[in-house]
Amino acid sequence: MWAISQQDRDDDENGLRREPKVVPSPWVQFRIDDAYVPEPAQILMELHGKDVLQGKIIGVSDSGAQEEAFAVVEVEGLSRPVVVAMKHLKEISYE
């Protein structure tokens, strides 16, 4: 099913009728990284910001002068390791 967008039905700011454009039905799909507004990072945070990831610790920082240490965690499916404060990590056991 195809529809004419409302914007194309309306006159432009000069009062001239624009050529109507055929656009897809209201239901579409697109990749998150193709979005302009909101930014892809914001979309991901709203959709998945509370998701729980799991992975393997591959390094730990020396907390040094900072109050807390950080872990470097390798997560399957991500191209780069994730740095997370140790206080936010929960141990999982595989039996």
PDB file of N, CA and C in Angstrom:
ATOM      1  N   MET A   1       0.847  -1.179   0.000  1.00  0.00           N
ATOM      2  CA  MET A   1       0.000   0.000   0.000  1.00  0.00           C
ATOM      3  C   MET A   1       0.888   1.236   0.000  1.00  0.00           C
ATOM      4  N   TRP A   2       0.530   2.212  -0.780  1.00  0.00           N
ATOM      5  CA  TRP A   2       1.291   3.460  -0.873  1.00  0.00           C
ATOM      6  C   TRP A   2       0.378   4.617  -0.524  1.00  0.00           C
ATOM      7  N   ALA A   3       0.961   5.685  -0.015  1.00  0.00           N
ATOM      8  CA  ALA A   3       0.186   6.856   0.395  1.00  0.00           C
ATOM      9  C   ALA A   3       0.925   8.125  -0.003  1.00  0.00           C
ATOM     10  N   ILE A   4       0.204   9.215  -0.059  1.00  0.00           N
ATOM     11  CA  ILE A   4       0.795  10.526  -0.306  1.00  0.00           C
ATOM     12  C   ILE A   4       1.003  11.178   1.057  1.00  0.00           C
ATOM     13  N   SER A   5       2.215  11.696   1.306  1.00  0.00           N
ATOM     14  CA  SER A   5       2.480  12.304   2.613  1.00  0.00           C
ATOM     15  C   SER A   5       1.681  13.589   2.780  1.00  0.00           C
ATOM     16  N   GLN A   6       1.299  13.906   4.009  1.00  0.00           N
ATOM     17  CA  GLN A   6       0.528  15.123   4.300  1.00  0.00           C
ATOM     18  C   GLN A   6       1.288  16.355   3.844  1.00  0.00           C
ATOM     19  N   GLN A   7       2.581  16.362   4.038  1.00  0.00           N
ATOM     20  CA  GLN A   7       3.391  17.509   3.640  1.00  0.00           C
ATOM     21  C   GLN A   7       3.270  17.745   2.136  1.00  0.00           C
ATOM     22  N   ASP A   8       3.225  16.671   1.369  1.00  0.00           N
ATOM     23  CA  ASP A   8       3.118  16.820  -0.076  1.00  0.00           C
ATOM     24  C   ASP A   8       1.713  17.213  -0.518  1.00  0.00           C
ATOM     25  N   ARG A   9       0.716  17.021   0.330  1.00  0.00           N
ATOM     26  CA  ARG A   9      -0.650  17.442  -0.001  1.00  0.00           C
ATOM     27  C   ARG A   9      -0.831  18.945   0.203  1.00  0.00           C
ATOM     28  N   ASP A  10      -0.072  19.504   1.137  1.00  0.00           N
ATOM     29  CA  ASP A  10      -0.212  20.923   1.480  1.00  0.00           C
ATOM     30  C   ASP A  10       0.550  21.802   0.495  1.00  0.00           C
ATOM     31  N   ASP A  11       0.112  23.047   0.402  1.00  0.00           N
ATOM     32  CA  ASP A  11       0.844  24.017  -0.405  1.00  0.00           C
ATOM     33  C   ASP A  11       2.145  24.362   0.294  1.00  0.00           C
ATOM     34  N   ASP A  12       3.190  24.707  -0.472  1.00  0.00           N
ATOM     35  CA  ASP A  12       4.436  25.138   0.157  1.00  0.00           C
ATOM     36  C   ASP A  12       4.295  26.577   0.625  1.00  0.00           C
ATOM     37  N   GLU A  13       5.350  27.144   1.216  1.00  0.00           N
ATOM     38  CA  GLU A  13       5.281  28.485   1.793  1.00  0.00           C
ATOM     39  C   GLU A  13       4.982  29.583   0.771  1.00  0.00           C
ATOM     40  N   ASN A  14       5.180  29.333  -0.513  1.00  0.00           N
ATOM     41  CA  ASN A  14       4.883  30.320  -1.557  1.00  0.00           C
ATOM     42  C   ASN A  14       3.487  30.138  -2.131  1.00  0.00           C
ATOM     43  N   GLY A  15       2.735  29.200  -1.578  1.00  0.00           N
ATOM     44  CA  GLY A  15       1.380  28.965  -2.071  1.00  0.00           C
ATOM     45  C   GLY A  15       1.337  28.108  -3.324  1.00  0.00           C
ATOM     46  N   LEU A  16       2.467  27.563  -3.723  1.00  0.00           N
ATOM     47  CA  LEU A  16       2.502  26.721  -4.915  1.00  0.00           C
ATOM     48  C   LEU A  16       2.286  25.267  -4.545  1.00  0.00           C
ATOM     49  N   ARG A  17       1.523  24.584  -5.338  1.00  0.00           N
ATOM     50  CA  ARG A  17       1.282  23.167  -5.099  1.00  0.00           C
ATOM     51  C   ARG A  17       2.514  22.390  -5.520  1.00  0.00           C
ATOM     52  N   ARG A  18       3.022  21.568  -4.641  1.00  0.00           N
ATOM     53  CA  ARG A  18       4.185  20.748  -4.966  1.00  0.00           C
ATOM     54  C   ARG A  18       3.746  19.469  -5.645  1.00  0.00           C
ATOM     55  N   GLU A  19       4.654  18.909  -6.405  1.00  0.00           N
ATOM     56  CA  GLU A  19       4.413  17.607  -7.024  1.00  0.00           C
ATOM     57  C   GLU A  19       4.270  16.576  -5.903  1.00  0.00           C
ATOM     58  N   PRO A  20       3.187  15.820  -5.840  1.00  0.00           N
ATOM     59  CA  PRO A  20       3.056  14.820  -4.782  1.00  0.00           C
ATOM     60  C   PRO A  20       4.111  13.720  -4.936  1.00  0.00           C
ATOM     61  N   LYS A  21       4.601  13.269  -3.807  1.00  0.00           N
ATOM     62  CA  LYS A  21       5.563  12.178  -3.801  1.00  0.00           C
ATOM     63  C   LYS A  21       4.877  10.943  -3.243  1.00  0.00           C
ATOM     64  N   VAL A  22       5.155   9.829  -3.837  1.00  0.00           N
ATOM     65  CA  VAL A  22       4.623   8.580  -3.317  1.00  0.00           C
ATOM     66  C   VAL A  22       5.565   8.100  -2.221  1.00  0.00           C
ATOM     67  N   VAL A  23       5.016   7.846  -1.060  1.00  0.00           N
ATOM     68  CA  VAL A  23       5.813   7.366   0.078  1.00  0.00           C
ATOM     69  C   VAL A  23       5.247   6.035   0.541  1.00  0.00           C
ATOM     70  N   PRO A  24       6.067   5.247   1.219  1.00  0.00           N
ATOM     71  CA  PRO A  24       5.577   3.963   1.710  1.00  0.00           C
ATOM     72  C   PRO A  24       4.455   4.137   2.722  1.00  0.00           C
ATOM     73  N   SER A  25       3.761   3.065   3.001  1.00  0.00           N
ATOM     74  CA  SER A  25       2.699   3.100   4.010  1.00  0.00           C
ATOM     75  C   SER A  25       3.281   3.601   5.327  1.00  0.00           C
ATOM     76  N   PRO A  26       2.449   3.947   6.283  1.00  0.00           N
ATOM     77  CA  PRO A  26       2.957   4.469   7.550  1.00  0.00           C
ATOM     78  C   PRO A  26       3.877   3.494   8.289  1.00  0.00           C
ATOM     79  N   TRP A  27       3.772   2.219   8.035  1.00  0.00           N
ATOM     80  CA  TRP A  27       4.597   1.221   8.712  1.00  0.00           C
ATOM     81  C   TRP A  27       5.823   0.931   7.878  1.00  0.00           C
ATOM     82  N   VAL A  28       6.983   1.262   8.425  1.00  0.00           N
ATOM     83  CA  VAL A  28       8.247   1.100   7.709  1.00  0.00           C
ATOM     84  C   VAL A  28       9.283   0.476   8.634  1.00  0.00           C
ATOM     85  N   GLN A  29      10.427   0.131   8.101  1.00  0.00           N
ATOM     86  CA  GLN A  29      11.541  -0.319   8.924  1.00  0.00           C
ATOM     87  C   GLN A  29      12.798   0.390   8.463  1.00  0.00           C
ATOM     88  N   PHE A  30      13.740   0.551   9.387  1.00  0.00           N
ATOM     89  CA  PHE A  30      15.004   1.224   9.070  1.00  0.00           C
ATOM     90  C   PHE A  30      16.021   0.812  10.113  1.00  0.00           C
ATOM     91  N   ARG A  31      17.285   1.019   9.786  1.00  0.00           N
ATOM     92  CA  ARG A  31      18.364   0.714  10.719  1.00  0.00           C
ATOM     93  C   ARG A  31      18.527   1.873  11.689  1.00  0.00           C
ATOM     94  N   ILE A  32      18.871   1.549  12.940  1.00  0.00           N
ATOM     95  CA  ILE A  32      19.058   2.591  13.961  1.00  0.00           C
ATOM     96  C   ILE A  32      20.112   3.593  13.527  1.00  0.00           C
ATOM     97  N   ASP A  33      21.192   3.119  12.892  1.00  0.00           N
ATOM     98  CA  ASP A  33      22.257   4.056  12.508  1.00  0.00           C
ATOM     99  C   ASP A  33      21.886   4.924  11.303  1.00  0.00           C
ATOM    100  N   ASP A  34      20.692   4.733  10.727  1.00  0.00           N
ATOM    101  CA  ASP A  34      20.215   5.609   9.658  1.00  0.00           C
ATOM    102  C   ASP A  34      19.397   6.779  10.198  1.00  0.00           C
ATOM    103  N   ALA A  35      19.086   6.782  11.488  1.00  0.00           N
ATOM    104  CA  ALA A  35      18.267   7.843  12.084  1.00  0.00           C
ATOM    105  C   ALA A  35      19.093   9.112  12.282  1.00  0.00           C
ATOM    106  N   TYR A  36      18.446  10.244  12.095  1.00  0.00           N
ATOM    107  CA  TYR A  36      19.084  11.541  12.335  1.00  0.00           C
ATOM    108  C   TYR A  36      18.633  12.125  13.668  1.00  0.00           C
ATOM    109  N   VAL A  37      17.337  12.055  13.960  1.00  0.00           N
ATOM    110  CA  VAL A  37      16.787  12.608  15.190  1.00  0.00           C
ATOM    111  C   VAL A  37      15.822  11.583  15.765  1.00  0.00           C
ATOM    112  N   PRO A  38      15.928  11.192  16.993  1.00  0.00           N
ATOM    113  CA  PRO A  38      17.064  11.445  17.872  1.00  0.00           C
ATOM    114  C   PRO A  38      18.293  10.674  17.406  1.00  0.00           C
ATOM    115  N   GLU A  39      19.423  11.010  17.994  1.00  0.00           N
ATOM    116  CA  GLU A  39      20.662  10.350  17.617  1.00  0.00           C
ATOM    117  C   GLU A  39      20.571   8.859  17.925  1.00  0.00           C
ATOM    118  N   PRO A  40      21.249   8.031  17.119  1.00  0.00           N
ATOM    119  CA  PRO A  40      21.200   6.586  17.355  1.00  0.00           C
ATOM    120  C   PRO A  40      21.529   6.178  18.793  1.00  0.00           C
ATOM    121  N   ALA A  41      22.484   6.843  19.417  1.00  0.00           N
ATOM    122  CA  ALA A  41      22.838   6.499  20.802  1.00  0.00           C
ATOM    123  C   ALA A  41      21.651   6.703  21.739  1.00  0.00           C
ATOM    124  N   GLN A  42      20.885   7.755  21.526  1.00  0.00           N
ATOM    125  CA  GLN A  42      19.722   8.021  22.376  1.00  0.00           C
ATOM    126  C   GLN A  42      18.642   6.962  22.155  1.00  0.00           C
ATOM    127  N   ILE A  43      18.447   6.555  20.915  1.00  0.00           N
ATOM    128  CA  ILE A  43      17.470   5.511  20.618  1.00  0.00           C
ATOM    129  C   ILE A  43      17.844   4.237  21.355  1.00  0.00           C
ATOM    130  N   LEU A  44      19.120   3.869  21.257  1.00  0.00           N
ATOM    131  CA  LEU A  44      19.573   2.654  21.923  1.00  0.00           C
ATOM    132  C   LEU A  44      19.412   2.732  23.431  1.00  0.00           C
ATOM    133  N   MET A  45      19.703   3.885  24.011  1.00  0.00           N
ATOM    134  CA  MET A  45      19.548   4.035  25.464  1.00  0.00           C
ATOM    135  C   MET A  45      18.080   3.881  25.873  1.00  0.00           C
ATOM    136  N   GLU A  46      17.186   4.469  25.106  1.00  0.00           N
ATOM    137  CA  GLU A  46      15.773   4.364  25.454  1.00  0.00           C
ATOM    138  C   GLU A  46      15.253   2.942  25.286  1.00  0.00           C
ATOM    139  N   LEU A  47      15.708   2.250  24.252  1.00  0.00           N
ATOM    140  CA  LEU A  47      15.238   0.894  24.012  1.00  0.00           C
ATOM    141  C   LEU A  47      15.937  -0.144  24.881  1.00  0.00           C
ATOM    142  N   HIS A  48      17.238   0.029  25.106  1.00  0.00           N
ATOM    143  CA  HIS A  48      18.021  -1.037  25.718  1.00  0.00           C
ATOM    144  C   HIS A  48      18.901  -0.586  26.886  1.00  0.00           C
ATOM    145  N   GLY A  49      18.719   0.613  27.381  1.00  0.00           N
ATOM    146  CA  GLY A  49      19.574   1.129  28.441  1.00  0.00           C
ATOM    147  C   GLY A  49      19.547   0.321  29.727  1.00  0.00           C
ATOM    148  N   LYS A  50      18.489  -0.427  29.953  1.00  0.00           N
ATOM    149  CA  LYS A  50      18.355  -1.234  31.175  1.00  0.00           C
ATOM    150  C   LYS A  50      18.653  -2.715  30.917  1.00  0.00           C
ATOM    151  N   ASP A  51      19.008  -3.070  29.687  1.00  0.00           N
ATOM    152  CA  ASP A  51      19.351  -4.460  29.388  1.00  0.00           C
ATOM    153  C   ASP A  51      20.585  -4.883  30.184  1.00  0.00           C
ATOM    154  N   VAL A  52      20.676  -6.147  30.486  1.00  0.00           N
ATOM    155  CA  VAL A  52      21.812  -6.685  31.221  1.00  0.00           C
ATOM    156  C   VAL A  52      22.708  -7.434  30.240  1.00  0.00           C
ATOM    157  N   LEU A  53      23.998  -7.080  30.234  1.00  0.00           N
ATOM    158  CA  LEU A  53      24.981  -7.754  29.395  1.00  0.00           C
ATOM    159  C   LEU A  53      25.807  -8.676  30.266  1.00  0.00           C
ATOM    160  N   GLN A  54      26.431  -9.650  29.656  1.00  0.00           N
ATOM    161  CA  GLN A  54      27.359 -10.495  30.403  1.00  0.00           C
ATOM    162  C   GLN A  54      28.593 -10.722  29.554  1.00  0.00           C
ATOM    163  N   GLY A  55      29.680 -10.913  30.223  1.00  0.00           N
ATOM    164  CA  GLY A  55      30.929 -11.115  29.516  1.00  0.00           C
ATOM    165  C   GLY A  55      32.020 -11.587  30.455  1.00  0.00           C
ATOM    166  N   LYS A  56      33.247 -11.565  29.947  1.00  0.00           N
ATOM    167  CA  LYS A  56      34.406 -12.060  30.678  1.00  0.00           C
ATOM    168  C   LYS A  56      35.345 -10.903  30.976  1.00  0.00           C
ATOM    169  N   ILE A  57      35.761 -10.791  32.241  1.00  0.00           N
ATOM    170  CA  ILE A  57      36.722  -9.751  32.617  1.00  0.00           C
ATOM    171  C   ILE A  57      38.067 -10.101  31.992  1.00  0.00           C
ATOM    172  N   ILE A  58      38.634  -9.148  31.229  1.00  0.00           N
ATOM    173  CA  ILE A  58      39.940  -9.366  30.608  1.00  0.00           C
ATOM    174  C   ILE A  58      40.998  -8.437  31.185  1.00  0.00           C
ATOM    175  N   GLY A  59      40.584  -7.558  32.086  1.00  0.00           N
ATOM    176  CA  GLY A  59      41.528  -6.652  32.725  1.00  0.00           C
ATOM    177  C   GLY A  59      40.852  -5.869  33.823  1.00  0.00           C
ATOM    178  N   VAL A  60      41.652  -5.427  34.780  1.00  0.00           N
ATOM    179  CA  VAL A  60      41.145  -4.621  35.894  1.00  0.00           C
ATOM    180  C   VAL A  60      42.099  -3.460  36.089  1.00  0.00           C
ATOM    181  N   SER A  61      41.545  -2.271  36.311  1.00  0.00           N
ATOM    182  CA  SER A  61      42.395  -1.095  36.524  1.00  0.00           C
ATOM    183  C   SER A  61      42.952  -1.083  37.932  1.00  0.00           C
ATOM    184  N   ASP A  62      44.045  -0.400  38.086  1.00  0.00           N
ATOM    185  CA  ASP A  62      44.565  -0.101  39.417  1.00  0.00           C
ATOM    186  C   ASP A  62      43.821   1.150  39.838  1.00  0.00           C
ATOM    187  N   SER A  63      43.028   1.060  40.875  1.00  0.00           N
ATOM    188  CA  SER A  63      42.191   2.195  41.251  1.00  0.00           C
ATOM    189  C   SER A  63      42.997   3.442  41.562  1.00  0.00           C
ATOM    190  N   GLY A  64      44.252   3.289  41.921  1.00  0.00           N
ATOM    191  CA  GLY A  64      45.135   4.429  42.139  1.00  0.00           C
ATOM    192  C   GLY A  64      44.508   5.492  42.998  1.00  0.00           C
ATOM    193  N   ALA A  65      44.523   6.725  42.504  1.00  0.00           N
ATOM    194  CA  ALA A  65      44.001   7.855  43.270  1.00  0.00           C
ATOM    195  C   ALA A  65      42.479   7.917  43.196  1.00  0.00           C
ATOM    196  N   GLN A  66      41.890   7.159  42.281  1.00  0.00           N
ATOM    197  CA  GLN A  66      40.437   7.179  42.166  1.00  0.00           C
ATOM    198  C   GLN A  66      39.811   6.316  43.242  1.00  0.00           C
ATOM    199  N   GLU A  67      38.567   6.580  43.535  1.00  0.00           N
ATOM    200  CA  GLU A  67      37.872   5.870  44.598  1.00  0.00           C
ATOM    201  C   GLU A  67      37.458   4.460  44.217  1.00  0.00           C
ATOM    202  N   GLU A  68      37.381   4.154  42.928  1.00  0.00           N
ATOM    203  CA  GLU A  68      36.910   2.838  42.531  1.00  0.00           C
ATOM    204  C   GLU A  68      37.728   2.276  41.371  1.00  0.00           C
ATOM    205  N   ALA A  69      37.729   0.965  41.287  1.00  0.00           N
ATOM    206  CA  ALA A  69      38.432   0.295  40.203  1.00  0.00           C
ATOM    207  C   ALA A  69      37.449   0.011  39.065  1.00  0.00           C
ATOM    208  N   PHE A  70      37.992  -0.213  37.891  1.00  0.00           N
ATOM    209  CA  PHE A  70      37.196  -0.509  36.717  1.00  0.00           C
ATOM    210  C   PHE A  70      37.639  -1.830  36.117  1.00  0.00           C
ATOM    211  N   ALA A  71      36.696  -2.524  35.501  1.00  0.00           N
ATOM    212  CA  ALA A  71      37.004  -3.773  34.817  1.00  0.00           C
ATOM    213  C   ALA A  71      36.846  -3.550  33.318  1.00  0.00           C
ATOM    214  N   VAL A  72      37.675  -4.238  32.551  1.00  0.00           N
ATOM    215  CA  VAL A  72      37.540  -4.270  31.098  1.00  0.00           C
ATOM    216  C   VAL A  72      36.886  -5.612  30.794  1.00  0.00           C
ATOM    217  N   VAL A  73      35.713  -5.564  30.171  1.00  0.00           N
ATOM    218  CA  VAL A  73      34.908  -6.764  29.968  1.00  0.00           C
ATOM    219  C   VAL A  73      34.707  -7.010  28.478  1.00  0.00           C
ATOM    220  N   GLU A  74      34.995  -8.226  28.068  1.00  0.00           N
ATOM    221  CA  GLU A  74      34.765  -8.648  26.686  1.00  0.00           C
ATOM    222  C   GLU A  74      33.344  -9.206  26.606  1.00  0.00           C
ATOM    223  N   VAL A  75      32.523  -8.620  25.742  1.00  0.00           N
ATOM    224  CA  VAL A  75      31.132  -9.027  25.595  1.00  0.00           C
ATOM    225  C   VAL A  75      30.943  -9.578  24.186  1.00  0.00           C
ATOM    226  N   GLU A  76      30.433 -10.787  24.103  1.00  0.00           N
ATOM    227  CA  GLU A  76      30.208 -11.408  22.795  1.00  0.00           C
ATOM    228  C   GLU A  76      29.246 -10.548  21.975  1.00  0.00           C
ATOM    229  N   GLY A  77      29.604 -10.303  20.734  1.00  0.00           N
ATOM    230  CA  GLY A  77      28.769  -9.496  19.852  1.00  0.00           C
ATOM    231  C   GLY A  77      29.194  -8.043  19.756  1.00  0.00           C
ATOM    232  N   LEU A  78      30.048  -7.587  20.663  1.00  0.00           N
ATOM    233  CA  LEU A  78      30.553  -6.216  20.600  1.00  0.00           C
ATOM    234  C   LEU A  78      31.978  -6.237  20.058  1.00  0.00           C
ATOM    235  N   SER A  79      32.302  -5.272  19.236  1.00  0.00           N
ATOM    236  CA  SER A  79      33.625  -5.244  18.605  1.00  0.00           C
ATOM    237  C   SER A  79      34.717  -4.743  19.545  1.00  0.00           C
ATOM    238  N   ARG A  80      34.341  -4.050  20.595  1.00  0.00           N
ATOM    239  CA  ARG A  80      35.319  -3.513  21.546  1.00  0.00           C
ATOM    240  C   ARG A  80      34.940  -3.910  22.958  1.00  0.00           C
ATOM    241  N   PRO A  81      35.933  -4.062  23.833  1.00  0.00           N
ATOM    242  CA  PRO A  81      35.614  -4.351  25.233  1.00  0.00           C
ATOM    243  C   PRO A  81      34.900  -3.162  25.880  1.00  0.00           C
ATOM    244  N   VAL A  82      34.210  -3.455  26.964  1.00  0.00           N
ATOM    245  CA  VAL A  82      33.438  -2.458  27.691  1.00  0.00           C
ATOM    246  C   VAL A  82      34.128  -2.193  29.034  1.00  0.00           C
ATOM    247  N   VAL A  83      34.239  -0.926  29.410  1.00  0.00           N
ATOM    248  CA  VAL A  83      34.824  -0.559  30.706  1.00  0.00           C
ATOM    249  C   VAL A  83      33.665  -0.255  31.658  1.00  0.00           C
ATOM    250  N   VAL A  84      33.668  -0.949  32.798  1.00  0.00           N
ATOM    251  CA  VAL A  84      32.571  -0.839  33.760  1.00  0.00           C
ATOM    252  C   VAL A  84      33.164  -0.710  35.158  1.00  0.00           C
ATOM    253  N   ALA A  85      32.579   0.129  35.984  1.00  0.00           N
ATOM    254  CA  ALA A  85      33.013   0.236  37.378  1.00  0.00           C
ATOM    255  C   ALA A  85      32.770  -1.106  38.067  1.00  0.00           C
ATOM    256  N   MET A  86      33.765  -1.560  38.828  1.00  0.00           N
ATOM    257  CA  MET A  86      33.675  -2.858  39.507  1.00  0.00           C
ATOM    258  C   MET A  86      32.434  -2.947  40.398  1.00  0.00           C
ATOM    259  N   LYS A  87      32.032  -1.839  40.990  1.00  0.00           N
ATOM    260  CA  LYS A  87      30.889  -1.871  41.902  1.00  0.00           C
ATOM    261  C   LYS A  87      29.570  -2.228  41.193  1.00  0.00           C
ATOM    262  N   HIS A  88      29.541  -2.130  39.851  1.00  0.00           N
ATOM    263  CA  HIS A  88      28.329  -2.437  39.106  1.00  0.00           C
ATOM    264  C   HIS A  88      28.312  -3.866  38.578  1.00  0.00           C
ATOM    265  N   LEU A  89      29.377  -4.613  38.775  1.00  0.00           N
ATOM    266  CA  LEU A  89      29.460  -5.983  38.248  1.00  0.00           C
ATOM    267  C   LEU A  89      28.857  -6.978  39.235  1.00  0.00           C
ATOM    268  N   LYS A  90      28.149  -7.947  38.691  1.00  0.00           N
ATOM    269  CA  LYS A  90      27.602  -9.037  39.507  1.00  0.00           C
ATOM    270  C   LYS A  90      28.171 -10.330  38.959  1.00  0.00           C
ATOM    271  N   GLU A  91      28.725 -11.118  39.851  1.00  0.00           N
ATOM    272  CA  GLU A  91      29.324 -12.388  39.445  1.00  0.00           C
ATOM    273  C   GLU A  91      28.234 -13.376  39.061  1.00  0.00           C
ATOM    274  N   ILE A  92      28.486 -14.112  37.982  1.00  0.00           N
ATOM    275  CA  ILE A  92      27.585 -15.184  37.587  1.00  0.00           C
ATOM    276  C   ILE A  92      28.376 -16.483  37.668  1.00  0.00           C
ATOM    277  N   SER A  93      27.690 -17.537  38.053  1.00  0.00           N
ATOM    278  CA  SER A  93      28.395 -18.817  38.165  1.00  0.00           C
ATOM    279  C   SER A  93      27.822 -19.790  37.140  1.00  0.00           C
ATOM    280  N   TYR A  94      28.710 -20.508  36.510  1.00  0.00           N
ATOM    281  CA  TYR A  94      28.333 -21.551  35.573  1.00  0.00           C
ATOM    282  C   TYR A  94      28.637 -22.874  36.236  1.00  0.00           C
ATOM    283  N   GLU A  95      27.632 -23.679  36.449  1.00  0.00           N
ATOM    284  CA  GLU A  95      27.848 -24.962  37.106  1.00  0.00           C
ATOM    285  C   GLU A  95      27.617 -26.093  36.150  1.00  0.00           C
TER     286      GLU A  95
END
